[in-house]
């Protein structure tokens, strides 16, 4: 069976969750994508993607109290699963193979 690659935005969400580590609450993950990728992230698209990643088995979540003492209710903290890590690795390897030898073509002047 051929591998299933996460889409571009799914990869961004997975990578932002990994970047945030133990602080991977939804708001922080969205901010990470917006700041690191320079991309505006709509709330609807973001939560739809999180749900899809959960159905695929690439993320899981648990309720946790955020570090911010102003927040009094538990929030969902996300974590990339082993399957999610493997999907990222497989996708990265495929892309690196496809990029190989194209530095001259893609080089910016």
N, C-alpha and C. Protein backbone atom coordinates (compact mmCIF):
# COMPACT_ATOMS: atom_id res chain seq x y z
N UNK A 1 0.84 -1.18 0.00
CA UNK A 1 0.00 0.00 0.00
C UNK A 1 0.88 1.24 0.00
N UNK A 2 0.56 2.21 -0.82
CA UNK A 2 1.36 3.43 -0.90
C UNK A 2 1.09 4.31 0.32
N UNK A 3 2.09 5.09 0.71
CA UNK A 3 1.92 5.95 1.89
C UNK A 3 0.91 7.06 1.63
N UNK A 4 0.27 7.46 2.69
CA UNK A 4 -0.67 8.59 2.63
C UNK A 4 0.04 9.79 3.24
N UNK A 5 0.21 10.85 2.44
CA UNK A 5 0.91 12.03 2.92
C UNK A 5 -0.08 13.04 3.47
N UNK A 6 0.27 13.67 4.59
CA UNK A 6 -0.58 14.78 5.06
C UNK A 6 -0.47 15.93 4.07
N UNK A 7 -1.55 16.67 3.91
CA UNK A 7 -1.54 17.84 3.05
C UNK A 7 -0.67 18.95 3.63
N UNK A 8 -0.49 19.99 2.84
CA UNK A 8 0.39 21.09 3.24
C UNK A 8 -0.03 21.69 4.59
N UNK A 9 -1.31 22.05 4.71
CA UNK A 9 -1.75 22.68 5.96
C UNK A 9 -1.73 21.68 7.11
N UNK A 10 -2.05 20.42 6.83
CA UNK A 10 -1.96 19.40 7.87
C UNK A 10 -0.53 19.30 8.39
N UNK A 11 0.44 19.35 7.47
CA UNK A 11 1.83 19.30 7.90
C UNK A 11 2.19 20.50 8.76
N UNK A 12 1.71 21.67 8.37
CA UNK A 12 1.98 22.87 9.17
C UNK A 12 1.42 22.72 10.58
N UNK A 13 0.21 22.19 10.70
CA UNK A 13 -0.40 22.00 12.01
C UNK A 13 0.41 21.00 12.83
N UNK A 14 0.78 19.88 12.23
CA UNK A 14 1.58 18.89 12.95
C UNK A 14 2.92 19.47 13.40
N UNK A 15 3.59 20.19 12.52
CA UNK A 15 4.88 20.78 12.87
C UNK A 15 4.74 21.86 13.95
N UNK A 16 3.67 22.65 13.88
CA UNK A 16 3.45 23.68 14.91
C UNK A 16 3.16 23.05 16.26
N UNK A 17 2.44 21.93 16.28
CA UNK A 17 2.20 21.21 17.54
C UNK A 17 3.53 20.74 18.11
N UNK A 18 4.38 20.18 17.26
CA UNK A 18 5.70 19.73 17.73
C UNK A 18 6.52 20.91 18.24
N UNK A 19 6.48 22.05 17.54
CA UNK A 19 7.21 23.24 17.98
C UNK A 19 6.76 23.71 19.35
N UNK A 20 5.47 23.62 19.62
CA UNK A 20 4.93 24.11 20.89
C UNK A 20 5.14 23.13 22.04
N UNK A 21 5.42 21.88 21.73
CA UNK A 21 5.69 20.89 22.79
C UNK A 21 4.55 20.79 23.78
N UNK A 22 4.89 20.90 25.05
CA UNK A 22 3.90 20.74 26.13
C UNK A 22 2.89 21.89 26.14
N UNK A 23 3.19 22.97 25.46
CA UNK A 23 2.27 24.11 25.41
C UNK A 23 1.44 24.14 24.14
N UNK A 24 1.18 22.98 23.55
CA UNK A 24 0.49 22.91 22.26
C UNK A 24 -1.03 23.01 22.42
N UNK A 25 -1.47 24.14 22.95
CA UNK A 25 -2.90 24.44 23.01
C UNK A 25 -3.28 25.09 21.68
N UNK A 26 -4.53 25.01 21.31
CA UNK A 26 -4.98 25.44 19.99
C UNK A 26 -4.52 26.87 19.66
N UNK A 27 -4.73 27.80 20.54
CA UNK A 27 -4.37 29.18 20.26
C UNK A 27 -2.88 29.33 19.99
N UNK A 28 -2.06 28.65 20.77
CA UNK A 28 -0.61 28.74 20.60
C UNK A 28 -0.17 28.08 19.28
N UNK A 29 -0.83 27.00 18.93
CA UNK A 29 -0.50 26.32 17.67
C UNK A 29 -0.86 27.22 16.48
N UNK A 30 -2.03 27.84 16.54
CA UNK A 30 -2.43 28.77 15.46
C UNK A 30 -1.45 29.93 15.35
N UNK A 31 -1.04 30.48 16.48
CA UNK A 31 -0.07 31.58 16.47
C UNK A 31 1.26 31.14 15.87
N UNK A 32 1.68 29.94 16.20
CA UNK A 32 2.95 29.41 15.66
C UNK A 32 2.90 29.36 14.14
N UNK A 33 1.80 28.88 13.59
CA UNK A 33 1.66 28.80 12.13
C UNK A 33 1.67 30.21 11.54
N UNK A 34 0.91 31.10 12.14
CA UNK A 34 0.82 32.46 11.61
C UNK A 34 2.17 33.16 11.64
N UNK A 35 2.91 33.00 12.73
CA UNK A 35 4.20 33.67 12.87
C UNK A 35 5.29 33.00 12.03
N UNK A 36 5.35 31.68 12.07
CA UNK A 36 6.43 30.97 11.39
C UNK A 36 6.22 30.88 9.88
N UNK A 37 4.97 30.70 9.46
CA UNK A 37 4.69 30.53 8.04
C UNK A 37 4.19 31.82 7.39
N UNK A 38 3.93 32.84 8.22
CA UNK A 38 3.42 34.09 7.68
C UNK A 38 2.08 33.90 7.00
N UNK A 39 1.28 33.06 7.57
CA UNK A 39 0.02 32.68 6.94
C UNK A 39 -1.12 32.91 7.92
N UNK A 40 -2.17 33.55 7.45
CA UNK A 40 -3.36 33.74 8.27
C UNK A 40 -4.11 32.41 8.39
N UNK A 41 -4.55 32.09 9.59
CA UNK A 41 -5.21 30.81 9.84
C UNK A 41 -6.61 31.07 10.37
N UNK A 42 -7.62 30.70 9.59
CA UNK A 42 -8.99 30.87 10.07
C UNK A 42 -9.30 29.81 11.12
N UNK A 43 -10.10 30.20 12.06
CA UNK A 43 -10.46 29.30 13.16
C UNK A 43 -11.14 28.03 12.62
N UNK A 44 -12.06 28.21 11.68
CA UNK A 44 -12.81 27.08 11.13
C UNK A 44 -11.90 26.07 10.43
N UNK A 45 -11.03 26.57 9.57
CA UNK A 45 -10.12 25.67 8.85
C UNK A 45 -9.18 24.96 9.81
N UNK A 46 -8.75 25.68 10.83
CA UNK A 46 -7.83 25.10 11.81
C UNK A 46 -8.48 23.95 12.56
N UNK A 47 -9.68 24.17 13.11
CA UNK A 47 -10.34 23.12 13.88
C UNK A 47 -10.79 21.96 13.00
N UNK A 48 -11.18 22.24 11.77
CA UNK A 48 -11.52 21.17 10.83
C UNK A 48 -10.30 20.29 10.58
N UNK A 49 -9.15 20.93 10.43
CA UNK A 49 -7.90 20.19 10.20
C UNK A 49 -7.53 19.37 11.42
N UNK A 50 -7.66 19.94 12.62
CA UNK A 50 -7.37 19.17 13.83
C UNK A 50 -8.26 17.94 13.93
N UNK A 51 -9.54 18.10 13.64
CA UNK A 51 -10.47 16.96 13.68
C UNK A 51 -10.05 15.89 12.67
N UNK A 52 -9.68 16.31 11.46
CA UNK A 52 -9.26 15.37 10.42
C UNK A 52 -7.98 14.65 10.84
N UNK A 53 -7.03 15.37 11.41
CA UNK A 53 -5.79 14.76 11.88
C UNK A 53 -6.05 13.76 13.01
N UNK A 54 -7.02 14.06 13.85
CA UNK A 54 -7.38 13.13 14.92
C UNK A 54 -8.00 11.85 14.33
N UNK A 55 -8.90 12.02 13.35
CA UNK A 55 -9.51 10.84 12.71
C UNK A 55 -8.47 9.97 12.02
N UNK A 56 -7.44 10.59 11.46
CA UNK A 56 -6.36 9.85 10.80
C UNK A 56 -5.43 9.19 11.81
N UNK A 57 -5.55 9.56 13.07
CA UNK A 57 -4.67 9.01 14.11
C UNK A 57 -3.34 9.73 14.21
N UNK A 58 -3.24 10.94 13.64
CA UNK A 58 -1.99 11.68 13.65
C UNK A 58 -1.84 12.58 14.88
N UNK A 59 -2.94 12.93 15.53
CA UNK A 59 -2.88 13.73 16.75
C UNK A 59 -3.85 13.14 17.78
N UNK A 60 -3.57 13.45 19.01
CA UNK A 60 -4.50 13.17 20.11
C UNK A 60 -4.47 14.38 21.02
N UNK A 61 -5.45 14.46 21.87
CA UNK A 61 -5.49 15.60 22.78
C UNK A 61 -5.95 15.14 24.16
N UNK A 62 -5.66 15.99 25.12
CA UNK A 62 -6.12 15.77 26.49
C UNK A 62 -6.45 17.13 27.09
N UNK A 63 -7.33 17.11 28.04
CA UNK A 63 -7.66 18.37 28.73
C UNK A 63 -6.57 18.67 29.73
N UNK A 64 -6.12 19.90 29.71
CA UNK A 64 -5.09 20.36 30.64
C UNK A 64 -5.36 21.80 31.01
N UNK A 65 -4.89 22.16 32.15
CA UNK A 65 -4.96 23.56 32.55
C UNK A 65 -3.81 24.29 31.87
N UNK A 66 -4.10 25.39 31.19
CA UNK A 66 -3.02 26.14 30.53
C UNK A 66 -2.12 26.81 31.56
N UNK A 67 -0.93 27.18 31.11
CA UNK A 67 0.03 27.87 32.00
C UNK A 67 -0.44 29.27 32.36
N UNK A 68 -1.22 29.86 31.48
CA UNK A 68 -1.73 31.21 31.69
C UNK A 68 -2.75 31.19 32.83
N UNK A 69 -2.42 31.82 33.94
CA UNK A 69 -3.28 31.78 35.13
C UNK A 69 -4.60 32.52 34.93
N UNK A 70 -4.70 33.34 33.88
CA UNK A 70 -5.95 34.05 33.63
C UNK A 70 -7.03 33.12 33.08
N UNK A 71 -6.61 32.01 32.50
CA UNK A 71 -7.57 31.02 31.99
C UNK A 71 -7.91 30.06 33.12
N UNK A 72 -9.20 29.89 33.36
CA UNK A 72 -9.61 29.09 34.51
C UNK A 72 -10.18 27.73 34.13
N UNK A 73 -10.50 27.52 32.88
CA UNK A 73 -11.07 26.25 32.43
C UNK A 73 -10.01 25.43 31.70
N UNK A 74 -10.11 24.11 31.80
CA UNK A 74 -9.15 23.28 31.05
C UNK A 74 -9.34 23.45 29.55
N UNK A 75 -8.24 23.33 28.82
CA UNK A 75 -8.24 23.44 27.37
C UNK A 75 -7.67 22.16 26.78
N UNK A 76 -7.90 21.96 25.49
CA UNK A 76 -7.32 20.80 24.82
C UNK A 76 -5.86 21.08 24.48
N UNK A 77 -4.99 20.19 24.93
CA UNK A 77 -3.57 20.26 24.57
C UNK A 77 -3.32 19.12 23.59
N UNK A 78 -2.72 19.46 22.46
CA UNK A 78 -2.55 18.50 21.38
C UNK A 78 -1.16 17.89 21.40
N UNK A 79 -1.09 16.68 20.88
CA UNK A 79 0.16 15.95 20.80
C UNK A 79 0.17 15.16 19.49
N UNK A 80 1.31 15.14 18.82
CA UNK A 80 1.46 14.36 17.60
C UNK A 80 1.72 12.91 18.00
N UNK A 81 1.00 11.98 17.41
CA UNK A 81 1.15 10.56 17.71
C UNK A 81 2.33 9.97 16.93
N UNK A 82 2.66 8.73 17.24
CA UNK A 82 3.70 8.02 16.49
C UNK A 82 3.33 7.94 15.01
N UNK A 83 2.07 7.71 14.70
CA UNK A 83 1.62 7.66 13.30
C UNK A 83 1.79 9.02 12.63
N UNK A 84 1.53 10.09 13.36
CA UNK A 84 1.72 11.43 12.83
C UNK A 84 3.18 11.73 12.55
N UNK A 85 4.06 11.31 13.45
CA UNK A 85 5.50 11.49 13.25
C UNK A 85 5.96 10.71 12.02
N UNK A 86 5.47 9.49 11.88
CA UNK A 86 5.85 8.67 10.73
C UNK A 86 5.35 9.30 9.43
N UNK A 87 4.15 9.84 9.43
CA UNK A 87 3.61 10.50 8.24
C UNK A 87 4.47 11.70 7.86
N UNK A 88 4.90 12.48 8.85
CA UNK A 88 5.78 13.62 8.58
C UNK A 88 7.12 13.16 8.02
N UNK A 89 7.68 12.12 8.61
CA UNK A 89 8.97 11.60 8.12
C UNK A 89 8.87 11.12 6.68
N UNK A 90 7.82 10.37 6.38
CA UNK A 90 7.62 9.83 5.04
C UNK A 90 7.44 10.96 4.03
N UNK A 91 6.64 11.95 4.40
CA UNK A 91 6.40 13.09 3.52
C UNK A 91 7.70 13.87 3.29
N UNK A 92 8.44 14.10 4.35
CA UNK A 92 9.70 14.84 4.24
C UNK A 92 10.67 14.12 3.32
N UNK A 93 10.78 12.82 3.48
CA UNK A 93 11.70 12.03 2.66
C UNK A 93 11.30 12.10 1.18
N UNK A 94 10.01 11.98 0.90
CA UNK A 94 9.53 12.05 -0.49
C UNK A 94 9.82 13.42 -1.09
N UNK A 95 9.56 14.48 -0.33
CA UNK A 95 9.80 15.83 -0.84
C UNK A 95 11.28 16.09 -1.05
N UNK A 96 12.11 15.64 -0.11
CA UNK A 96 13.55 15.84 -0.28
C UNK A 96 14.06 15.12 -1.52
N UNK A 97 13.52 13.94 -1.80
CA UNK A 97 13.90 13.20 -3.01
C UNK A 97 13.48 13.97 -4.26
N UNK A 98 12.28 14.51 -4.25
CA UNK A 98 11.80 15.28 -5.40
C UNK A 98 12.57 16.59 -5.59
N UNK A 99 13.02 17.20 -4.51
CA UNK A 99 13.77 18.46 -4.59
C UNK A 99 15.19 18.23 -5.08
N UNK A 100 15.71 17.02 -4.90
CA UNK A 100 17.10 16.73 -5.23
C UNK A 100 17.41 17.10 -6.68
N UNK A 101 18.51 17.82 -6.86
CA UNK A 101 18.97 18.20 -8.18
C UNK A 101 18.30 19.42 -8.77
N UNK A 102 17.43 20.06 -8.02
CA UNK A 102 16.71 21.22 -8.54
C UNK A 102 17.19 22.55 -7.99
N UNK A 103 18.29 22.55 -7.28
CA UNK A 103 18.79 23.80 -6.69
C UNK A 103 19.01 24.87 -7.74
N UNK A 104 19.60 24.51 -8.88
CA UNK A 104 19.84 25.50 -9.93
C UNK A 104 18.55 26.07 -10.50
N UNK A 105 17.56 25.22 -10.65
CA UNK A 105 16.28 25.65 -11.22
C UNK A 105 15.53 26.55 -10.24
N UNK A 106 15.59 26.20 -8.96
CA UNK A 106 14.79 26.90 -7.95
C UNK A 106 15.53 28.01 -7.23
N UNK A 107 16.81 28.15 -7.53
CA UNK A 107 17.61 29.17 -6.86
C UNK A 107 17.04 30.55 -7.16
N UNK A 108 16.97 31.36 -6.11
CA UNK A 108 16.50 32.74 -6.30
C UNK A 108 17.69 33.62 -6.63
N UNK A 109 17.44 34.63 -7.42
CA UNK A 109 18.54 35.51 -7.83
C UNK A 109 18.55 36.78 -7.01
